[in-house]
């Protein structure tokens, strides 16, 4: 019987953002045993990674995977190992009233590692413009409760890694006070538990500068390239607002969070290519309204940033070590290092013609596209089965 696995001949990206190295990676007893060139098999099953990228297991910092609950969520196995992703962060699908069922019945069944940001709204993510009745997370100010959020986080510290608030006028019954209460309460609950807060700020009554001023180092702004008003890139040259650069300088994290309405070429292209305002983390915001397009999966989202000119090592870092750091789990995953749990994704960059579509239906032609080939989760191998596009 084989003692383990030996991944040979691949271009190893350790997740730190440096250039790739042609090394072999030995996996034994669920752990990364050694990373060196020319390792002997010593009874291990050989995995031929010639022509492939060998990366840490991909981490999606923004998903909705509370399967069976609410109108947004998909099942973890739809967007996890089969698509190259080994760790999923659910961002606010559950609030304090609904999280315990997520923890008890969904997370333990997933093959992927599933973590959560707790919605400051006790009812979790609600409301979509195509689904009636339209009742949003912050529709009623009584949905917001700091004490219940703090108590829930303290009860489930193994999986809840922060808080989440969605700031949109349409989700707050167009009451600016509800949005402001949601923001201040989400930050307060995060502060009291020593965790980060993620903010969705799209079509909000709160100006982007005021929202950013409320955030602390380590807090996360998702949907950074959304096309609605007050994007933060709304000047005549589409440069990032001064408040955005200042927030980044003091440690606020900017995340893609593609979603069904939050990634537009006309925003992302000048932001990245003219002003070098690249994302710290690349995430999908995948859910039932975008899994069949325009998001599809993590590797399609990575391909869009790669097309914009983001260097390959930085793309890998933005889906491995950077989201792990943002979640506070960098000691467990996000890097290929001996002694770590063997979460590994093998990727192929395919040459061809690939049409990549944004949330406004605009397309760009890419000559290269990432595709997942195989993953290891805690040392166990799984074939990827990506059939999108």
Protein backbone atom coordinates (compact mmCIF):
# COMPACT_ATOMS: atom_id res chain seq x y z
CA UNK A 1 0.00 0.00 0.00
CA UNK A 2 1.23 3.48 -0.87
CA UNK A 3 2.48 5.50 2.09
CA UNK A 4 1.33 8.81 0.64
CA UNK A 5 1.45 10.98 -2.45
CA UNK A 6 4.31 12.60 -4.29
CA UNK A 7 3.32 15.53 -6.50
CA UNK A 8 6.11 15.78 -9.07
CA UNK A 9 7.12 18.21 -11.77
CA UNK A 10 4.75 21.08 -11.04
CA UNK A 11 5.35 24.80 -10.70
CA UNK A 12 4.98 25.29 -6.96
CA UNK A 13 3.51 28.55 -5.71
CA UNK A 14 3.72 28.52 -1.93
CA UNK A 15 1.10 31.29 -1.55
CA UNK A 16 3.51 33.94 -0.36
CA UNK A 17 3.47 35.92 -3.61
CA UNK A 18 6.95 34.98 -4.81
CA UNK A 19 7.83 33.32 -8.11
CA UNK A 20 7.09 29.68 -8.72
CA UNK A 21 9.72 27.00 -8.07
CA UNK A 22 9.83 23.58 -9.74
CA UNK A 23 9.69 21.39 -6.66
CA UNK A 24 8.16 18.10 -5.62
CA UNK A 25 5.64 18.01 -2.79
CA UNK A 26 5.29 14.93 -0.58
CA UNK A 27 2.02 14.38 1.28
CA UNK A 28 1.88 11.91 4.15
CA UNK A 29 -0.57 11.32 6.99
CA UNK A 30 -2.67 14.26 5.86
CA UNK A 31 0.24 16.70 6.11
CA UNK A 32 2.74 18.30 3.77
CA UNK A 33 5.84 16.28 4.55
CA UNK A 34 8.55 17.79 2.33
CA UNK A 35 8.89 20.30 -0.51
CA UNK A 36 12.13 19.80 -2.42
CA UNK A 37 13.31 19.13 -5.96
CA UNK A 38 13.96 15.52 -6.98
CA UNK A 39 12.26 13.76 -4.06
CA UNK A 40 12.30 9.93 -4.36
CA UNK A 41 8.96 8.12 -4.39
CA UNK A 42 9.75 5.86 -1.40
CA UNK A 43 6.49 3.99 -1.92
CA UNK A 44 4.35 7.08 -2.44
CA UNK A 45 1.78 7.27 -5.21
CA UNK A 46 3.17 9.63 -7.85
CA UNK A 47 0.98 12.47 -9.09
CA UNK A 48 2.32 13.89 -12.35
CA UNK A 49 1.94 17.68 -12.14
CA UNK A 50 3.93 18.49 -15.27
CA UNK A 51 2.56 21.69 -16.80
CA UNK A 52 0.44 22.41 -13.73
CA UNK A 53 0.47 25.00 -10.98
CA UNK A 54 0.74 23.46 -7.51
CA UNK A 55 -0.81 25.93 -5.07
CA UNK A 56 -2.21 25.96 -1.57
CA UNK A 57 -5.85 24.94 -1.47
CA UNK A 58 -7.90 27.84 -2.81
CA UNK A 59 -9.85 29.88 -0.27
CA UNK A 60 -13.02 31.75 -1.25
CA UNK A 61 -13.44 34.69 1.13
CA UNK A 62 -17.01 35.46 0.07
CA UNK A 63 -19.60 32.74 -0.51
CA UNK A 64 -23.15 31.82 0.49
CA UNK A 65 -23.22 28.11 1.34
CA UNK A 66 -25.82 27.76 4.08
CA UNK A 67 -27.49 25.13 1.90
CA UNK A 68 -31.26 24.87 2.40
CA UNK A 69 -31.59 28.18 4.23
CA UNK A 70 -32.84 31.42 2.71
CA UNK A 71 -32.98 32.44 -0.93
CA UNK A 72 -29.27 32.82 -1.73
CA UNK A 73 -27.30 29.83 -0.57
CA UNK A 74 -26.00 26.88 -2.57
CA UNK A 75 -24.59 23.68 -1.11
CA UNK A 76 -20.86 23.72 -0.26
CA UNK A 77 -20.09 20.83 -2.63
CA UNK A 78 -21.35 22.86 -5.60
CA UNK A 79 -18.62 25.48 -5.16
CA UNK A 80 -15.94 23.68 -3.17
CA UNK A 81 -13.59 20.81 -3.98
CA UNK A 82 -15.09 20.17 -7.40
CA UNK A 83 -14.04 23.69 -8.41
CA UNK A 84 -10.61 23.70 -6.74
CA UNK A 85 -11.68 25.42 -3.51
CA UNK A 86 -10.83 23.74 -0.22
CA UNK A 87 -11.98 26.45 2.24
CA UNK A 88 -15.19 28.47 2.06
CA UNK A 89 -16.16 31.54 4.05
CA UNK A 90 -19.90 32.09 4.21
CA UNK A 91 -20.45 35.81 4.59
CA UNK A 92 -23.55 36.57 6.57
CA UNK A 93 -26.05 34.00 5.33
CA UNK A 94 -26.71 33.35 9.01
CA UNK A 95 -27.45 35.70 11.86
CA UNK A 96 -27.63 34.95 15.55
CA UNK A 97 -31.11 33.40 15.22
CA UNK A 98 -30.16 31.02 12.42
CA UNK A 99 -26.46 30.24 12.81
CA UNK A 100 -26.76 27.25 15.20
CA UNK A 101 -28.47 25.12 12.53
CA UNK A 102 -25.75 26.03 10.01
CA UNK A 103 -23.13 24.92 12.54
CA UNK A 104 -24.89 21.70 13.46
CA UNK A 105 -26.20 20.39 10.14
CA UNK A 106 -24.39 21.99 7.19
CA UNK A 107 -20.78 22.54 8.23
CA UNK A 108 -20.12 19.01 9.57
CA UNK A 109 -21.36 17.40 6.35
CA UNK A 110 -19.16 19.49 4.07
CA UNK A 111 -15.90 18.01 2.78
CA UNK A 112 -14.60 21.56 2.56
CA UNK A 113 -13.65 23.61 5.60
CA UNK A 114 -16.55 26.03 6.05
CA UNK A 115 -16.30 29.17 8.18
CA UNK A 116 -18.73 32.01 8.69
CA UNK A 117 -19.08 35.72 9.18
CA UNK A 118 -22.10 36.36 11.38
CA UNK A 119 -24.62 38.80 9.96
CA UNK A 120 -25.36 41.63 12.39
CA UNK A 121 -28.97 41.16 11.32
CA UNK A 122 -30.34 38.38 13.47
CA UNK A 123 -32.21 36.91 10.48
CA UNK A 124 -29.17 36.80 8.19
CA UNK A 125 -29.06 37.57 4.47
CA UNK A 126 -32.50 38.32 3.08
CA UNK A 127 -33.93 40.20 0.12
CA UNK A 128 -33.40 40.01 -3.62
CA UNK A 129 -34.97 42.29 -6.24
CA UNK A 130 -36.40 39.33 -8.18
CA UNK A 131 -37.88 37.57 -5.16
CA UNK A 132 -40.99 38.70 -3.28
CA UNK A 133 -41.59 39.70 -0.58
CA UNK A 134 -38.61 42.07 -0.59
CA UNK A 135 -37.54 42.14 3.04
CA UNK A 136 -33.89 42.98 3.53
CA UNK A 137 -31.40 42.24 6.29
CA UNK A 138 -31.85 45.71 7.85
CA UNK A 139 -35.52 46.22 6.93
CA UNK A 140 -36.44 46.62 10.58
CA UNK A 141 -33.98 48.12 13.06
CA UNK A 142 -35.08 45.49 15.57
CA UNK A 143 -33.25 42.88 13.48
CA UNK A 144 -29.98 44.45 14.66
CA UNK A 145 -28.70 43.28 18.01
CA UNK A 146 -25.12 43.49 19.21
CA UNK A 147 -25.58 41.41 22.34
CA UNK A 148 -27.03 38.38 20.54
CA UNK A 149 -24.28 38.60 17.91
CA UNK A 150 -21.53 38.71 20.54
CA UNK A 151 -23.09 35.80 22.46
CA UNK A 152 -23.34 33.70 19.28
CA UNK A 153 -19.74 34.39 18.29
CA UNK A 154 -18.51 33.44 21.75
CA UNK A 155 -20.54 30.22 21.67
CA UNK A 156 -19.09 29.13 18.31
CA UNK A 157 -15.52 30.47 18.14
CA UNK A 158 -14.30 27.49 16.08
CA UNK A 159 -16.16 28.59 12.95
CA UNK A 160 -17.32 32.20 13.27
CA UNK A 161 -14.38 34.41 12.27
CA UNK A 162 -16.01 37.85 12.10
CA UNK A 163 -19.14 39.87 11.39
CA UNK A 164 -20.89 41.02 8.24
CA UNK A 165 -23.20 43.88 7.35
CA UNK A 166 -24.87 44.65 4.02
CA UNK A 167 -25.28 48.39 3.48
CA UNK A 168 -27.78 49.01 0.70
CA UNK A 169 -30.73 51.37 0.87
CA UNK A 170 -32.96 48.72 -0.68
CA UNK A 171 -32.10 46.27 2.11
CA UNK A 172 -32.89 48.81 4.82
CA UNK A 173 -36.33 49.92 3.58
CA UNK A 174 -34.55 53.14 2.48
CA UNK A 175 -34.01 54.18 6.12
CA UNK A 176 -30.49 55.65 6.46
CA UNK A 177 -30.70 55.18 10.23
CA UNK A 178 -31.04 51.43 9.80
CA UNK A 179 -27.91 51.30 7.67
CA UNK A 180 -25.95 53.41 10.12
CA UNK A 181 -27.09 51.25 13.03
CA UNK A 182 -26.10 48.13 11.09
CA UNK A 183 -22.62 49.46 10.37
CA UNK A 184 -21.86 50.68 13.87
CA UNK A 185 -23.28 47.52 15.44
CA UNK A 186 -21.35 45.16 13.14
CA UNK A 187 -18.10 46.96 13.94
CA UNK A 188 -18.91 47.01 17.66
CA UNK A 189 -19.65 43.28 17.77
CA UNK A 190 -16.44 42.57 15.86
CA UNK A 191 -14.45 44.83 18.14
CA UNK A 192 -15.82 43.21 21.29
CA UNK A 193 -14.85 39.76 20.05
CA UNK A 194 -11.48 40.73 18.56
CA UNK A 195 -12.52 39.82 15.02
CA UNK A 196 -12.79 41.59 11.64
CA UNK A 197 -15.93 42.99 10.06
CA UNK A 198 -16.80 42.66 6.36
CA UNK A 199 -18.87 45.43 4.78
CA UNK A 200 -20.98 45.22 1.64
CA UNK A 201 -21.48 48.84 0.51
CA UNK A 202 -23.54 49.01 -2.69
CA UNK A 203 -26.25 51.59 -3.39
CA UNK A 204 -26.04 52.81 0.19
CA UNK A 205 -27.26 56.04 1.76
CA UNK A 206 -23.97 56.15 3.70
CA UNK A 207 -21.21 57.89 1.69
CA UNK A 208 -18.25 55.65 0.92
CA UNK A 209 -15.89 57.94 2.86
CA UNK A 210 -18.04 57.72 6.00
CA UNK A 211 -18.23 53.95 5.71
CA UNK A 212 -14.46 53.63 5.36
CA UNK A 213 -13.85 55.97 8.30
CA UNK A 214 -15.77 53.57 10.55
CA UNK A 215 -13.51 50.61 9.73
CA UNK A 216 -10.45 49.35 11.58
CA UNK A 217 -7.26 47.67 10.36
CA UNK A 218 -8.17 44.15 9.23
CA UNK A 219 -11.76 44.99 8.35
CA UNK A 220 -12.83 44.06 4.83
CA UNK A 221 -14.58 46.02 2.10
CA UNK A 222 -16.08 43.59 -0.40
CA UNK A 223 -17.56 44.37 -3.86
CA UNK A 224 -14.74 46.83 -4.50
CA UNK A 225 -15.42 47.09 -8.26
CA UNK A 226 -19.21 47.38 -8.20
CA UNK A 227 -20.73 49.74 -10.82
CA UNK A 228 -23.47 51.46 -8.83
CA UNK A 229 -23.29 55.07 -7.64
CA UNK A 230 -20.70 56.06 -5.04
CA UNK A 231 -18.26 53.32 -5.96
CA UNK A 232 -15.23 55.18 -4.69
CA UNK A 233 -13.90 55.21 -8.28
CA UNK A 234 -16.36 57.83 -9.51
CA UNK A 235 -14.03 60.71 -10.35
CA UNK A 236 -13.45 61.87 -13.94
CA UNK A 237 -10.40 59.60 -14.32
CA UNK A 238 -11.96 56.74 -12.31
CA UNK A 239 -9.17 56.94 -9.74
CA UNK A 240 -9.79 55.53 -6.27
CA UNK A 241 -10.99 58.13 -3.82
CA UNK A 242 -8.48 59.51 -1.34
CA UNK A 243 -10.49 57.83 1.43
CA UNK A 244 -9.92 54.44 -0.23
CA UNK A 245 -6.16 54.90 -0.42
CA UNK A 246 -6.08 56.11 3.17
CA UNK A 247 -8.13 53.12 4.32
CA UNK A 248 -5.78 50.73 2.53
CA UNK A 249 -2.78 52.48 4.08
CA UNK A 250 -4.13 51.88 7.56
CA UNK A 251 -4.84 48.20 6.92
CA UNK A 252 -8.38 47.93 5.56
CA UNK A 253 -8.63 44.96 3.14
CA UNK A 254 -10.24 45.36 -0.29
CA UNK A 255 -11.94 42.27 -1.72
CA UNK A 256 -13.43 41.55 -5.16
CA UNK A 257 -16.71 39.87 -4.12
CA UNK A 258 -17.81 39.52 -7.77
CA UNK A 259 -21.44 38.56 -7.18
CA UNK A 260 -24.37 39.17 -9.50
CA UNK A 261 -23.97 42.95 -9.43
CA UNK A 262 -20.52 43.84 -8.15
CA UNK A 263 -17.85 43.42 -10.81
CA UNK A 264 -17.87 45.72 -13.84
CA UNK A 265 -15.11 45.94 -16.42
CA UNK A 266 -15.63 49.70 -16.70
CA UNK A 267 -14.74 50.08 -13.02
CA UNK A 268 -12.09 47.37 -12.63
CA UNK A 269 -10.09 48.17 -15.78
CA UNK A 270 -9.14 51.77 -14.93
CA UNK A 271 -8.81 50.96 -11.22
CA UNK A 272 -6.26 48.23 -11.92
CA UNK A 273 -4.60 49.16 -15.16
CA UNK A 274 -4.36 52.94 -14.73
CA UNK A 275 -4.26 53.39 -10.97
CA UNK A 276 -2.90 50.03 -9.74
CA UNK A 277 -5.66 49.64 -7.17
CA UNK A 278 -5.54 45.85 -7.19
CA UNK A 279 -7.57 43.65 -4.83
CA UNK A 280 -6.01 42.25 -1.70
CA UNK A 281 -8.26 39.19 -2.01
CA UNK A 282 -10.16 37.64 -4.92
CA UNK A 283 -13.54 36.14 -4.02
CA UNK A 284 -16.67 35.12 -5.89
CA UNK A 285 -19.70 36.03 -3.72
CA UNK A 286 -21.13 32.91 -5.30
CA UNK A 287 -24.79 32.07 -4.71
CA UNK A 288 -27.80 30.66 -6.54
CA UNK A 289 -28.36 33.82 -8.61
CA UNK A 290 -24.87 33.85 -10.20
CA UNK A 291 -23.53 30.29 -10.14
CA UNK A 292 -24.77 29.84 -13.73
CA UNK A 293 -23.20 33.16 -14.73
CA UNK A 294 -21.58 35.56 -14.65
CA UNK A 295 -19.55 34.18 -11.70
CA UNK A 296 -19.59 30.41 -12.35
CA UNK A 297 -16.67 29.59 -10.01
CA UNK A 298 -13.46 30.77 -8.41
CA UNK A 299 -11.14 30.01 -11.31
CA UNK A 300 -13.26 32.09 -13.70
CA UNK A 301 -13.04 35.00 -11.28
CA UNK A 302 -9.27 34.52 -11.00
CA UNK A 303 -9.07 34.54 -14.80
CA UNK A 304 -10.68 37.99 -14.91
CA UNK A 305 -8.04 39.50 -12.65
CA UNK A 306 -5.32 37.70 -14.59
CA UNK A 307 -6.69 39.23 -17.79
CA UNK A 308 -6.52 42.67 -16.19
CA UNK A 309 -2.78 42.14 -15.70
CA UNK A 310 -2.53 40.95 -12.12
CA UNK A 311 0.74 38.95 -11.91
CA UNK A 312 0.28 35.21 -11.50
CA UNK A 313 1.99 34.97 -8.06
CA UNK A 314 -0.26 37.79 -6.81
CA UNK A 315 -3.39 36.07 -8.14
CA UNK A 316 -2.41 32.92 -6.26
CA UNK A 317 -1.65 34.88 -3.10
CA UNK A 318 -5.04 36.63 -3.31
CA UNK A 319 -6.88 33.29 -3.18
CA UNK A 320 -4.64 31.56 -0.61
CA UNK A 321 -2.52 33.29 2.01
CA UNK A 322 -4.30 36.67 1.93
CA UNK A 323 -7.81 35.35 2.60
CA UNK A 324 -6.36 33.02 5.25
CA UNK A 325 -4.79 36.03 6.95
CA UNK A 326 -8.01 38.04 6.68
CA UNK A 327 -9.92 35.19 8.33
CA UNK A 328 -7.37 34.74 11.10
CA UNK A 329 -6.58 31.16 10.06
CA UNK A 330 -3.17 31.72 8.47
CA UNK A 331 -1.61 29.30 10.94
CA UNK A 332 -3.73 26.50 9.43
CA UNK A 333 -3.97 27.09 5.70
CA UNK A 334 -3.10 29.37 2.81
CA UNK A 335 0.57 28.36 2.42
CA UNK A 336 2.43 25.31 1.20
CA UNK A 337 4.77 24.63 4.10
CA UNK A 338 6.07 21.38 5.63
CA UNK A 339 4.01 20.37 8.63
CA UNK A 340 0.84 22.11 7.44
CA UNK A 341 -2.35 20.25 6.64
CA UNK A 342 -2.15 19.11 3.01
CA UNK A 343 -4.71 21.40 1.38
CA UNK A 344 -3.43 21.68 -2.19
CA UNK A 345 -4.94 22.71 -5.52
CA UNK A 346 -3.50 21.72 -8.89
CA UNK A 347 -4.37 24.24 -11.61
CA UNK A 348 -3.89 24.35 -15.35
CA UNK A 349 -3.70 27.56 -17.37
CA UNK A 350 -5.39 26.77 -20.67
CA UNK A 351 -4.65 28.72 -23.83
CA UNK A 352 -7.54 29.54 -26.15
CA UNK A 353 -10.34 32.05 -26.54
CA UNK A 354 -12.52 32.56 -23.47
CA UNK A 355 -15.29 35.15 -23.20
CA UNK A 356 -15.42 36.61 -19.70
CA UNK A 357 -18.60 38.47 -18.79
CA UNK A 358 -19.15 41.08 -16.09
CA UNK A 359 -22.34 41.93 -14.19
CA UNK A 360 -23.44 44.41 -16.86
CA UNK A 361 -23.24 41.84 -19.65
CA UNK A 362 -20.02 43.28 -21.04
CA UNK A 363 -17.49 40.76 -22.29
CA UNK A 364 -13.75 40.61 -22.72
CA UNK A 365 -11.77 38.05 -24.68
CA UNK A 366 -9.17 36.22 -22.62
CA UNK A 367 -6.43 34.14 -24.18
CA UNK A 368 -5.82 32.20 -20.97
CA UNK A 369 -8.07 30.71 -18.32
CA UNK A 370 -7.44 28.87 -15.05
CA UNK A 371 -8.98 25.43 -14.62
CA UNK A 372 -8.72 23.19 -11.54
CA UNK A 373 -7.44 19.67 -12.11
CA UNK A 374 -7.20 18.05 -8.67
CA UNK A 375 -7.31 19.02 -5.02
CA UNK A 376 -6.05 17.53 -1.80
CA UNK A 377 -8.06 18.21 1.33
CA UNK A 378 -6.30 17.17 4.52
CA UNK A 379 -4.15 14.90 2.36
CA UNK A 380 -7.05 13.15 0.59
CA UNK A 381 -7.18 13.56 -3.22
CA UNK A 382 -10.28 14.62 -5.14
CA UNK A 383 -10.69 15.07 -8.88
CA UNK A 384 -12.18 18.40 -9.95
CA UNK A 385 -15.29 18.39 -12.07
CA UNK A 386 -15.57 21.89 -13.45
CA UNK A 387 -18.13 22.12 -16.24
CA UNK A 388 -18.93 25.87 -16.23
CA UNK A 389 -18.75 27.87 -19.48
